[in-house]
Amino acid sequence: MAFVIYRSFHVAGYRCSVCIDFRGRAVCRTVDGPSQREALTGATTNVCADLTSGVTDSMACQRTQPSKVDCSALN
């Protein structure tokens, strides 16, 4: 029973850090997620939410090549 409770709180399997330079500003964010893809997407979304306002800027930011990406598996 204790293992089930522990696993329910420990969902993340990956940690990704993403930095994006967008329109003269640079922001970095780190997100944990159950898969590398979800952690990377979450970090990118968080960065762009901080850097932009409006749908058009948000979409442009999401397509911007990150200046730094670092993902690792959590033990």
N, C-alpha and C. Protein backbone atom coordinates (compact mmCIF):
# COMPACT_ATOMS: atom_id res chain seq x y z
N MET A 1 0.82 -1.19 0.00
CA MET A 1 0.00 0.00 0.00
C MET A 1 0.87 1.27 0.00
N ALA A 2 1.92 1.27 0.78
CA ALA A 2 2.81 2.43 0.84
C ALA A 2 3.46 2.70 -0.51
N PHE A 3 3.81 1.63 -1.23
CA PHE A 3 4.42 1.80 -2.54
C PHE A 3 3.46 2.46 -3.52
N VAL A 4 2.20 2.07 -3.49
CA VAL A 4 1.19 2.66 -4.37
C VAL A 4 1.04 4.15 -4.09
N ILE A 5 1.00 4.51 -2.84
CA ILE A 5 0.89 5.92 -2.46
C ILE A 5 2.14 6.68 -2.91
N TYR A 6 3.31 6.10 -2.69
CA TYR A 6 4.56 6.74 -3.11
C TYR A 6 4.57 6.97 -4.62
N ARG A 7 4.21 5.95 -5.40
CA ARG A 7 4.22 6.07 -6.86
C ARG A 7 3.21 7.10 -7.36
N SER A 8 2.10 7.25 -6.66
CA SER A 8 1.10 8.22 -7.11
C SER A 8 1.61 9.66 -6.97
N PHE A 9 2.50 9.91 -6.02
CA PHE A 9 3.07 11.24 -5.86
C PHE A 9 4.32 11.43 -6.72
N HIS A 10 4.93 10.35 -7.13
CA HIS A 10 6.16 10.41 -7.92
C HIS A 10 5.83 10.03 -9.37
N VAL A 11 5.19 10.94 -10.08
CA VAL A 11 4.73 10.69 -11.44
C VAL A 11 5.82 11.02 -12.46
N ALA A 12 6.62 12.02 -12.18
CA ALA A 12 7.59 12.51 -13.15
C ALA A 12 8.68 11.48 -13.42
N GLY A 13 9.02 11.33 -14.69
CA GLY A 13 10.10 10.46 -15.07
C GLY A 13 11.22 11.23 -15.74
N TYR A 14 10.95 12.47 -16.17
CA TYR A 14 11.95 13.29 -16.85
C TYR A 14 11.86 14.73 -16.37
N ARG A 15 13.00 15.40 -16.44
CA ARG A 15 13.08 16.83 -16.13
C ARG A 15 13.73 17.51 -17.33
N CYS A 16 13.04 18.51 -17.87
CA CYS A 16 13.58 19.25 -19.01
C CYS A 16 13.67 20.73 -18.68
N SER A 17 14.81 21.31 -19.05
CA SER A 17 15.01 22.76 -18.94
C SER A 17 15.08 23.31 -20.36
N VAL A 18 14.35 24.40 -20.59
CA VAL A 18 14.30 25.02 -21.91
C VAL A 18 14.54 26.51 -21.74
N CYS A 19 15.39 27.07 -22.61
CA CYS A 19 15.61 28.52 -22.68
C CYS A 19 15.27 28.97 -24.10
N ILE A 20 14.52 30.07 -24.20
CA ILE A 20 14.15 30.63 -25.50
C ILE A 20 14.42 32.12 -25.49
N ASP A 21 15.05 32.60 -26.57
CA ASP A 21 15.22 34.03 -26.80
C ASP A 21 14.13 34.43 -27.79
N PHE A 22 13.27 35.37 -27.39
CA PHE A 22 12.16 35.77 -28.24
C PHE A 22 11.96 37.28 -28.15
N ARG A 23 12.12 37.94 -29.27
CA ARG A 23 11.93 39.39 -29.37
C ARG A 23 12.69 40.18 -28.31
N GLY A 24 13.95 39.82 -28.17
CA GLY A 24 14.83 40.57 -27.27
C GLY A 24 14.78 40.16 -25.80
N ARG A 25 13.99 39.18 -25.48
CA ARG A 25 13.93 38.69 -24.09
C ARG A 25 14.30 37.22 -24.06
N ALA A 26 14.91 36.80 -22.97
CA ALA A 26 15.29 35.39 -22.79
C ALA A 26 14.73 34.88 -21.47
N VAL A 27 14.13 33.71 -21.52
CA VAL A 27 13.56 33.09 -20.33
C VAL A 27 13.88 31.60 -20.34
N CYS A 28 14.13 31.05 -19.17
CA CYS A 28 14.36 29.61 -19.01
C CYS A 28 13.36 29.06 -17.99
N ARG A 29 12.91 27.84 -18.22
CA ARG A 29 12.01 27.16 -17.29
C ARG A 29 12.37 25.68 -17.24
N THR A 30 12.09 25.06 -16.10
CA THR A 30 12.32 23.63 -15.90
C THR A 30 11.01 22.98 -15.49
N VAL A 31 10.68 21.84 -16.14
CA VAL A 31 9.43 21.14 -15.87
C VAL A 31 9.71 19.65 -15.75
N ASP A 32 9.04 18.99 -14.81
CA ASP A 32 9.07 17.53 -14.68
C ASP A 32 7.84 16.96 -15.36
N GLY A 33 7.99 15.80 -15.98
CA GLY A 33 6.85 15.16 -16.63
C GLY A 33 7.02 13.66 -16.71
N PRO A 34 5.95 12.96 -17.02
CA PRO A 34 6.01 11.50 -17.09
C PRO A 34 6.82 10.98 -18.28
N SER A 35 6.94 11.79 -19.33
CA SER A 35 7.76 11.41 -20.48
C SER A 35 8.63 12.60 -20.86
N GLN A 36 9.67 12.33 -21.62
CA GLN A 36 10.55 13.42 -22.05
C GLN A 36 9.80 14.41 -22.93
N ARG A 37 8.97 13.90 -23.79
CA ARG A 37 8.20 14.77 -24.69
C ARG A 37 7.27 15.70 -23.92
N GLU A 38 6.56 15.16 -22.91
CA GLU A 38 5.65 15.99 -22.12
C GLU A 38 6.40 17.02 -21.28
N ALA A 39 7.55 16.65 -20.73
CA ALA A 39 8.34 17.60 -19.94
C ALA A 39 8.88 18.71 -20.84
N LEU A 40 9.33 18.35 -22.04
CA LEU A 40 9.84 19.34 -22.99
C LEU A 40 8.73 20.28 -23.46
N THR A 41 7.57 19.73 -23.76
CA THR A 41 6.44 20.56 -24.18
C THR A 41 6.00 21.49 -23.05
N GLY A 42 5.94 20.97 -21.83
CA GLY A 42 5.55 21.79 -20.68
C GLY A 42 6.51 22.94 -20.43
N ALA A 43 7.81 22.66 -20.53
CA ALA A 43 8.81 23.71 -20.31
C ALA A 43 8.71 24.78 -21.40
N THR A 44 8.54 24.36 -22.64
CA THR A 44 8.40 25.31 -23.75
C THR A 44 7.15 26.17 -23.58
N THR A 45 6.06 25.55 -23.20
CA THR A 45 4.81 26.28 -22.98
C THR A 45 4.96 27.31 -21.86
N ASN A 46 5.63 26.92 -20.78
CA ASN A 46 5.84 27.84 -19.66
C ASN A 46 6.71 29.03 -20.06
N VAL A 47 7.77 28.76 -20.82
CA VAL A 47 8.64 29.84 -21.29
C VAL A 47 7.84 30.82 -22.14
N CYS A 48 7.10 30.28 -23.11
CA CYS A 48 6.35 31.15 -24.03
C CYS A 48 5.22 31.90 -23.32
N ALA A 49 4.65 31.33 -22.29
CA ALA A 49 3.62 32.03 -21.53
C ALA A 49 4.20 33.26 -20.85
N ASP A 50 5.45 33.17 -20.41
CA ASP A 50 6.11 34.29 -19.75
C ASP A 50 6.57 35.35 -20.76
N LEU A 51 6.96 34.91 -21.95
CA LEU A 51 7.52 35.81 -22.95
C LEU A 51 6.49 36.53 -23.81
N THR A 52 5.29 36.02 -23.91
CA THR A 52 4.35 36.54 -24.90
C THR A 52 3.02 36.97 -24.28
N SER A 53 2.29 37.70 -25.10
CA SER A 53 0.89 38.00 -24.78
C SER A 53 0.13 37.90 -26.08
N GLY A 54 -0.92 37.13 -26.09
CA GLY A 54 -1.70 36.95 -27.30
C GLY A 54 -1.38 35.66 -28.02
N VAL A 55 -2.33 35.22 -28.78
CA VAL A 55 -2.23 33.94 -29.47
C VAL A 55 -1.15 33.97 -30.55
N THR A 56 -1.08 35.04 -31.32
CA THR A 56 -0.12 35.11 -32.42
C THR A 56 1.31 35.03 -31.92
N ASP A 57 1.65 35.82 -30.90
CA ASP A 57 2.99 35.76 -30.32
C ASP A 57 3.27 34.40 -29.70
N SER A 58 2.29 33.83 -29.03
CA SER A 58 2.46 32.52 -28.40
C SER A 58 2.79 31.45 -29.44
N MET A 59 2.08 31.47 -30.55
CA MET A 59 2.36 30.49 -31.61
C MET A 59 3.74 30.71 -32.22
N ALA A 60 4.13 31.95 -32.41
CA ALA A 60 5.46 32.25 -32.95
C ALA A 60 6.55 31.80 -31.98
N CYS A 61 6.33 32.02 -30.70
CA CYS A 61 7.29 31.60 -29.68
C CYS A 61 7.43 30.08 -29.67
N GLN A 62 6.33 29.37 -29.76
CA GLN A 62 6.36 27.90 -29.75
C GLN A 62 7.18 27.34 -30.92
N ARG A 63 7.24 28.09 -32.03
CA ARG A 63 8.00 27.64 -33.20
C ARG A 63 9.46 28.10 -33.16
N THR A 64 9.82 28.91 -32.17
CA THR A 64 11.19 29.41 -32.06
C THR A 64 12.13 28.31 -31.56
N GLN A 65 13.27 28.19 -32.20
CA GLN A 65 14.27 27.21 -31.79
C GLN A 65 14.83 27.60 -30.41
N PRO A 66 14.76 26.72 -29.41
CA PRO A 66 15.29 27.06 -28.09
C PRO A 66 16.80 27.30 -28.15
N SER A 67 17.29 28.21 -27.32
CA SER A 67 18.72 28.46 -27.23
C SER A 67 19.40 27.40 -26.36
N LYS A 68 18.60 26.74 -25.50
CA LYS A 68 19.13 25.68 -24.64
C LYS A 68 18.02 24.69 -24.34
N VAL A 69 18.36 23.40 -24.44
CA VAL A 69 17.46 22.32 -24.04
C VAL A 69 18.29 21.30 -23.29
N ASP A 70 17.83 20.92 -22.12
CA ASP A 70 18.51 19.92 -21.33
C ASP A 70 17.47 19.02 -20.67
N CYS A 71 17.43 17.75 -21.06
CA CYS A 71 16.47 16.80 -20.48
C CYS A 71 17.23 15.64 -19.86
N SER A 72 16.73 15.17 -18.72
CA SER A 72 17.35 14.03 -18.07
C SER A 72 16.29 13.19 -17.37
N ALA A 73 16.56 11.92 -17.27
CA ALA A 73 15.65 11.00 -16.57
C ALA A 73 15.83 11.17 -15.07
N LEU A 74 14.70 11.11 -14.35
CA LEU A 74 14.74 11.19 -12.89
C LEU A 74 14.78 9.78 -12.33
N ASN A 75 15.53 9.62 -11.29
CA ASN A 75 15.63 8.29 -10.66
C ASN A 75 14.64 8.12 -9.57
